[in-house]
Amino acid sequence: MKKSLFLLLAMFALAVFVSTGFTVEKKAVEKIYTMKGKVASVDTAAGTLTLPGKKGDIVFATDANTQVKIGKEAKSLADIKAGDVVTIKYKNADGKKLALTIQVPAPATEKKK
């Protein structure tokens, strides 16, 4: 009787420890948002870009991983000017809107006559 009880407890303990090793943690999926608008201001020192929104200005932070493109060319935040139309892909991080990509359409070229 003691042997079977000990064996049963040992199997239960083994099952508990083995099953906890197989638990899979689900990663939180980061939601990516897109916004298009006309740039109100650019602060290269702070690394921010501001677009007007329905409820006030929306400030987007940038970091070293933020990709800035004008047309197909890689550029920097300093190349964006107030009045440029941009499309920003961003995520919410640490209470801020962190720009992942900032895309400015290529300037229209004049057709030759």
N, C-alpha and C. Protein backbone atom coordinates (compact mmCIF):
# COMPACT_ATOMS: atom_id res chain seq x y z
N MET A 1 0.83 -1.19 0.00
CA MET A 1 0.00 0.00 0.00
C MET A 1 0.87 1.25 0.00
N LYS A 2 1.91 1.27 0.86
CA LYS A 2 2.79 2.42 0.93
C LYS A 2 3.54 2.61 -0.39
N LYS A 3 3.95 1.48 -1.00
CA LYS A 3 4.67 1.57 -2.27
C LYS A 3 3.79 2.16 -3.36
N SER A 4 2.54 1.72 -3.43
CA SER A 4 1.65 2.22 -4.48
C SER A 4 1.32 3.69 -4.26
N LEU A 5 1.15 4.11 -2.99
CA LEU A 5 0.89 5.52 -2.69
C LEU A 5 2.11 6.37 -3.06
N PHE A 6 3.30 5.89 -2.70
CA PHE A 6 4.53 6.60 -3.04
C PHE A 6 4.70 6.70 -4.55
N LEU A 7 4.43 5.60 -5.25
CA LEU A 7 4.54 5.58 -6.71
C LEU A 7 3.54 6.55 -7.34
N LEU A 8 2.32 6.58 -6.83
CA LEU A 8 1.29 7.48 -7.34
C LEU A 8 1.69 8.95 -7.13
N LEU A 9 2.21 9.28 -5.95
CA LEU A 9 2.65 10.65 -5.67
C LEU A 9 3.85 11.04 -6.54
N ALA A 10 4.75 10.11 -6.75
CA ALA A 10 5.92 10.38 -7.59
C ALA A 10 5.49 10.65 -9.03
N MET A 11 4.55 9.87 -9.54
CA MET A 11 4.07 10.08 -10.90
C MET A 11 3.33 11.42 -11.03
N PHE A 12 2.55 11.77 -10.00
CA PHE A 12 1.84 13.05 -10.01
C PHE A 12 2.83 14.21 -10.01
N ALA A 13 3.85 14.14 -9.14
CA ALA A 13 4.86 15.20 -9.08
C ALA A 13 5.60 15.31 -10.40
N LEU A 14 5.94 14.20 -10.99
CA LEU A 14 6.63 14.20 -12.28
C LEU A 14 5.75 14.84 -13.36
N ALA A 15 4.48 14.51 -13.37
CA ALA A 15 3.57 15.07 -14.36
C ALA A 15 3.44 16.58 -14.19
N VAL A 16 3.39 17.06 -12.96
CA VAL A 16 3.28 18.50 -12.71
C VAL A 16 4.53 19.22 -13.19
N PHE A 17 5.70 18.71 -12.85
CA PHE A 17 6.94 19.38 -13.25
C PHE A 17 7.18 19.33 -14.75
N VAL A 18 6.85 18.23 -15.37
CA VAL A 18 7.06 18.11 -16.81
C VAL A 18 6.08 19.00 -17.57
N SER A 19 4.83 19.05 -17.13
CA SER A 19 3.84 19.85 -17.86
C SER A 19 4.12 21.34 -17.76
N THR A 20 4.70 21.82 -16.66
CA THR A 20 5.02 23.24 -16.56
C THR A 20 6.17 23.61 -17.48
N GLY A 21 6.99 22.67 -17.83
CA GLY A 21 8.09 22.94 -18.75
C GLY A 21 7.63 23.15 -20.17
N PHE A 22 6.45 22.68 -20.50
CA PHE A 22 5.94 22.78 -21.86
C PHE A 22 4.98 23.94 -22.07
N THR A 23 4.79 24.76 -21.07
CA THR A 23 3.90 25.90 -21.27
C THR A 23 4.56 26.88 -22.22
N VAL A 24 3.78 27.42 -23.11
CA VAL A 24 4.28 28.34 -24.11
C VAL A 24 3.75 29.73 -23.79
N GLU A 25 4.66 30.67 -23.69
CA GLU A 25 4.26 32.05 -23.45
C GLU A 25 3.83 32.68 -24.75
N LYS A 26 2.68 33.32 -24.72
CA LYS A 26 2.22 34.03 -25.90
C LYS A 26 2.82 35.42 -25.88
N LYS A 27 3.41 35.80 -26.99
CA LYS A 27 3.95 37.15 -27.11
C LYS A 27 2.82 38.11 -27.43
N ALA A 28 2.89 39.26 -26.81
CA ALA A 28 1.91 40.30 -27.13
C ALA A 28 2.21 40.81 -28.54
N VAL A 29 1.21 40.82 -29.35
CA VAL A 29 1.37 41.28 -30.73
C VAL A 29 1.32 42.80 -30.72
N GLU A 30 2.37 43.42 -31.25
CA GLU A 30 2.41 44.88 -31.32
C GLU A 30 1.52 45.33 -32.46
N LYS A 31 0.64 46.24 -32.15
CA LYS A 31 -0.24 46.77 -33.18
C LYS A 31 0.46 47.94 -33.86
N ILE A 32 0.47 47.92 -35.18
CA ILE A 32 1.08 48.97 -35.98
C ILE A 32 -0.04 49.83 -36.56
N TYR A 33 0.08 51.13 -36.39
CA TYR A 33 -0.91 52.08 -36.87
C TYR A 33 -0.32 52.87 -38.04
N THR A 34 -1.19 53.44 -38.87
CA THR A 34 -0.75 54.28 -39.99
C THR A 34 -1.52 55.59 -39.93
N MET A 35 -0.80 56.70 -40.16
CA MET A 35 -1.44 58.01 -40.22
C MET A 35 -0.82 58.79 -41.36
N LYS A 36 -1.66 59.51 -42.08
CA LYS A 36 -1.20 60.34 -43.18
C LYS A 36 -1.64 61.77 -42.89
N GLY A 37 -0.75 62.71 -43.15
CA GLY A 37 -1.10 64.10 -42.92
C GLY A 37 0.00 65.05 -43.33
N LYS A 38 -0.28 66.34 -43.15
CA LYS A 38 0.67 67.39 -43.48
C LYS A 38 1.45 67.74 -42.22
N VAL A 39 2.76 67.80 -42.34
CA VAL A 39 3.63 68.05 -41.19
C VAL A 39 3.42 69.47 -40.68
N ALA A 40 3.16 69.59 -39.37
CA ALA A 40 3.02 70.90 -38.75
C ALA A 40 4.39 71.42 -38.33
N SER A 41 5.22 70.53 -37.75
CA SER A 41 6.57 70.96 -37.35
C SER A 41 7.47 69.75 -37.19
N VAL A 42 8.78 70.02 -37.27
CA VAL A 42 9.81 69.00 -37.08
C VAL A 42 10.81 69.54 -36.07
N ASP A 43 11.13 68.75 -35.05
CA ASP A 43 12.13 69.13 -34.06
C ASP A 43 13.23 68.08 -34.11
N THR A 44 14.31 68.39 -34.85
CA THR A 44 15.38 67.41 -35.02
C THR A 44 16.16 67.20 -33.72
N ALA A 45 16.25 68.24 -32.88
CA ALA A 45 16.97 68.10 -31.61
C ALA A 45 16.26 67.10 -30.70
N ALA A 46 14.94 67.18 -30.65
CA ALA A 46 14.16 66.26 -29.81
C ALA A 46 13.82 64.97 -30.55
N GLY A 47 14.02 64.96 -31.87
CA GLY A 47 13.71 63.78 -32.66
C GLY A 47 12.22 63.54 -32.78
N THR A 48 11.46 64.62 -32.95
CA THR A 48 10.00 64.50 -33.05
C THR A 48 9.47 65.15 -34.32
N LEU A 49 8.30 64.70 -34.70
CA LEU A 49 7.59 65.22 -35.87
C LEU A 49 6.14 65.39 -35.42
N THR A 50 5.53 66.51 -35.77
CA THR A 50 4.17 66.81 -35.31
C THR A 50 3.23 66.94 -36.49
N LEU A 51 2.08 66.27 -36.38
CA LEU A 51 1.00 66.37 -37.37
C LEU A 51 -0.24 66.89 -36.66
N PRO A 52 -1.04 67.70 -37.35
CA PRO A 52 -2.28 68.15 -36.73
C PRO A 52 -3.29 67.01 -36.70
N GLY A 53 -4.02 66.91 -35.59
CA GLY A 53 -5.04 65.88 -35.45
C GLY A 53 -6.39 66.51 -35.17
N LYS A 54 -7.43 65.70 -35.09
CA LYS A 54 -8.77 66.21 -34.83
C LYS A 54 -8.89 66.83 -33.44
N LYS A 55 -8.15 66.27 -32.48
CA LYS A 55 -8.23 66.76 -31.09
C LYS A 55 -6.95 67.47 -30.66
N GLY A 56 -6.20 67.98 -31.60
CA GLY A 56 -4.95 68.67 -31.28
C GLY A 56 -3.79 68.03 -32.00
N ASP A 57 -2.62 68.61 -31.78
CA ASP A 57 -1.42 68.11 -32.46
C ASP A 57 -1.04 66.72 -31.96
N ILE A 58 -0.52 65.90 -32.87
CA ILE A 58 -0.05 64.56 -32.54
C ILE A 58 1.46 64.54 -32.76
N VAL A 59 2.18 64.22 -31.70
CA VAL A 59 3.65 64.22 -31.74
C VAL A 59 4.13 62.78 -31.88
N PHE A 60 4.99 62.57 -32.86
CA PHE A 60 5.59 61.26 -33.10
C PHE A 60 7.06 61.33 -32.72
N ALA A 61 7.50 60.41 -31.88
CA ALA A 61 8.91 60.32 -31.52
C ALA A 61 9.62 59.45 -32.56
N THR A 62 10.90 59.69 -32.73
CA THR A 62 11.71 58.85 -33.62
C THR A 62 12.88 58.31 -32.81
N ASP A 63 13.48 57.24 -33.31
CA ASP A 63 14.69 56.72 -32.69
C ASP A 63 15.65 56.28 -33.80
N ALA A 64 16.72 55.63 -33.42
CA ALA A 64 17.74 55.23 -34.40
C ALA A 64 17.19 54.22 -35.41
N ASN A 65 16.12 53.52 -35.07
CA ASN A 65 15.55 52.52 -35.97
C ASN A 65 14.49 53.07 -36.91
N THR A 66 14.09 54.32 -36.73
CA THR A 66 13.06 54.92 -37.58
C THR A 66 13.62 55.12 -38.99
N GLN A 67 12.90 54.62 -39.99
CA GLN A 67 13.32 54.77 -41.38
C GLN A 67 12.58 55.94 -42.00
N VAL A 68 13.33 56.85 -42.58
CA VAL A 68 12.76 58.02 -43.26
C VAL A 68 13.09 57.89 -44.74
N LYS A 69 12.05 58.00 -45.58
CA LYS A 69 12.27 57.91 -47.03
C LYS A 69 11.52 59.03 -47.72
N ILE A 70 12.19 59.64 -48.69
CA ILE A 70 11.55 60.59 -49.59
C ILE A 70 11.61 59.92 -50.96
N GLY A 71 10.44 59.55 -51.46
CA GLY A 71 10.40 58.71 -52.65
C GLY A 71 10.96 57.36 -52.28
N LYS A 72 12.00 56.94 -52.98
CA LYS A 72 12.65 55.66 -52.66
C LYS A 72 13.99 55.86 -51.96
N GLU A 73 14.39 57.12 -51.76
CA GLU A 73 15.69 57.43 -51.16
C GLU A 73 15.61 57.48 -49.65
N ALA A 74 16.57 56.86 -49.00
CA ALA A 74 16.67 56.94 -47.54
C ALA A 74 17.15 58.34 -47.16
N LYS A 75 16.47 58.95 -46.23
CA LYS A 75 16.80 60.31 -45.78
C LYS A 75 16.79 60.34 -44.26
N SER A 76 16.88 61.54 -43.69
CA SER A 76 16.83 61.69 -42.24
C SER A 76 15.68 62.62 -41.87
N LEU A 77 15.41 62.72 -40.59
CA LEU A 77 14.33 63.58 -40.11
C LEU A 77 14.57 65.03 -40.51
N ALA A 78 15.83 65.43 -40.60
CA ALA A 78 16.17 66.82 -40.96
C ALA A 78 15.74 67.17 -42.38
N ASP A 79 15.52 66.16 -43.22
CA ASP A 79 15.11 66.41 -44.61
C ASP A 79 13.61 66.65 -44.75
N ILE A 80 12.86 66.44 -43.68
CA ILE A 80 11.41 66.67 -43.73
C ILE A 80 11.13 68.08 -43.26
N LYS A 81 10.27 68.76 -43.98
CA LYS A 81 9.94 70.17 -43.68
C LYS A 81 8.46 70.30 -43.34
N ALA A 82 8.12 71.36 -42.63
CA ALA A 82 6.72 71.67 -42.34
C ALA A 82 5.99 71.84 -43.67
N GLY A 83 4.81 71.27 -43.78
CA GLY A 83 4.03 71.35 -45.01
C GLY A 83 4.15 70.10 -45.86
N ASP A 84 5.19 69.28 -45.65
CA ASP A 84 5.32 68.02 -46.39
C ASP A 84 4.18 67.08 -46.00
N VAL A 85 3.67 66.36 -46.98
CA VAL A 85 2.67 65.33 -46.70
C VAL A 85 3.42 64.03 -46.44
N VAL A 86 3.12 63.39 -45.30
CA VAL A 86 3.84 62.17 -44.92
C VAL A 86 2.85 61.07 -44.56
N THR A 87 3.33 59.85 -44.69
CA THR A 87 2.61 58.68 -44.19
C THR A 87 3.51 58.06 -43.13
N ILE A 88 2.99 57.94 -41.92
CA ILE A 88 3.77 57.43 -40.80
C ILE A 88 3.19 56.11 -40.34
N LYS A 89 4.05 55.11 -40.21
CA LYS A 89 3.67 53.86 -39.56
C LYS A 89 4.30 53.93 -38.18
N TYR A 90 3.48 53.71 -37.14
CA TYR A 90 3.97 53.87 -35.78
C TYR A 90 3.34 52.85 -34.84
N LYS A 91 3.93 52.75 -33.65
CA LYS A 91 3.37 51.92 -32.59
C LYS A 91 3.38 52.73 -31.31
N ASN A 92 2.56 52.34 -30.38
CA ASN A 92 2.54 52.99 -29.08
C ASN A 92 3.58 52.29 -28.20
N ALA A 93 4.52 53.07 -27.67
CA ALA A 93 5.58 52.51 -26.83
C ALA A 93 5.88 53.49 -25.70
N ASP A 94 5.80 53.03 -24.49
CA ASP A 94 6.09 53.85 -23.31
C ASP A 94 5.28 55.13 -23.29
N GLY A 95 4.03 55.05 -23.68
CA GLY A 95 3.15 56.22 -23.65
C GLY A 95 3.38 57.21 -24.77
N LYS A 96 4.22 56.85 -25.74
CA LYS A 96 4.49 57.74 -26.88
C LYS A 96 4.14 57.03 -28.17
N LYS A 97 3.97 57.81 -29.20
CA LYS A 97 3.78 57.26 -30.54
C LYS A 97 5.17 57.21 -31.19
N LEU A 98 5.70 56.02 -31.35
CA LEU A 98 7.05 55.84 -31.89
C LEU A 98 6.95 55.53 -33.38
N ALA A 99 7.49 56.44 -34.20
CA ALA A 99 7.47 56.27 -35.65
C ALA A 99 8.42 55.16 -36.06
N LEU A 100 7.90 54.20 -36.81
CA LEU A 100 8.73 53.13 -37.35
C LEU A 100 9.23 53.51 -38.74
N THR A 101 8.32 54.03 -39.57
CA THR A 101 8.69 54.53 -40.90
C THR A 101 7.98 55.84 -41.16
N ILE A 102 8.67 56.73 -41.84
CA ILE A 102 8.10 58.00 -42.29
C ILE A 102 8.35 58.07 -43.79
N GLN A 103 7.27 58.10 -44.55
CA GLN A 103 7.37 58.10 -46.01
C GLN A 103 6.84 59.42 -46.56
N VAL A 104 7.69 60.09 -47.35
CA VAL A 104 7.29 61.31 -48.05
C VAL A 104 7.25 60.95 -49.53
N PRO A 105 6.15 61.25 -50.23
CA PRO A 105 6.11 60.94 -51.66
C PRO A 105 7.21 61.69 -52.41
N ALA A 106 7.69 61.09 -53.48
CA ALA A 106 8.70 61.75 -54.31
C ALA A 106 8.11 63.02 -54.89
N PRO A 107 8.92 64.08 -54.97
CA PRO A 107 8.41 65.31 -55.56
C PRO A 107 8.02 65.08 -57.02
N ALA A 108 6.94 65.70 -57.42
CA ALA A 108 6.48 65.56 -58.81
C ALA A 108 7.48 66.24 -59.74
N THR A 109 7.84 65.55 -60.78
CA THR A 109 8.77 66.13 -61.76
C THR A 109 7.96 66.72 -62.89
N GLU A 110 8.45 67.82 -63.40
CA GLU A 110 7.76 68.47 -64.52
C GLU A 110 8.03 67.70 -65.80
N LYS A 111 7.00 67.57 -66.62
CA LYS A 111 7.16 66.88 -67.91
C LYS A 111 7.82 67.83 -68.90
N LYS A 112 8.71 67.27 -69.71
CA LYS A 112 9.37 68.06 -70.75
C LYS A 112 8.41 68.24 -71.91
N LYS A 113 8.46 69.42 -72.52
CA LYS A 113 7.58 69.69 -73.66
C LYS A 113 8.31 69.47 -74.94
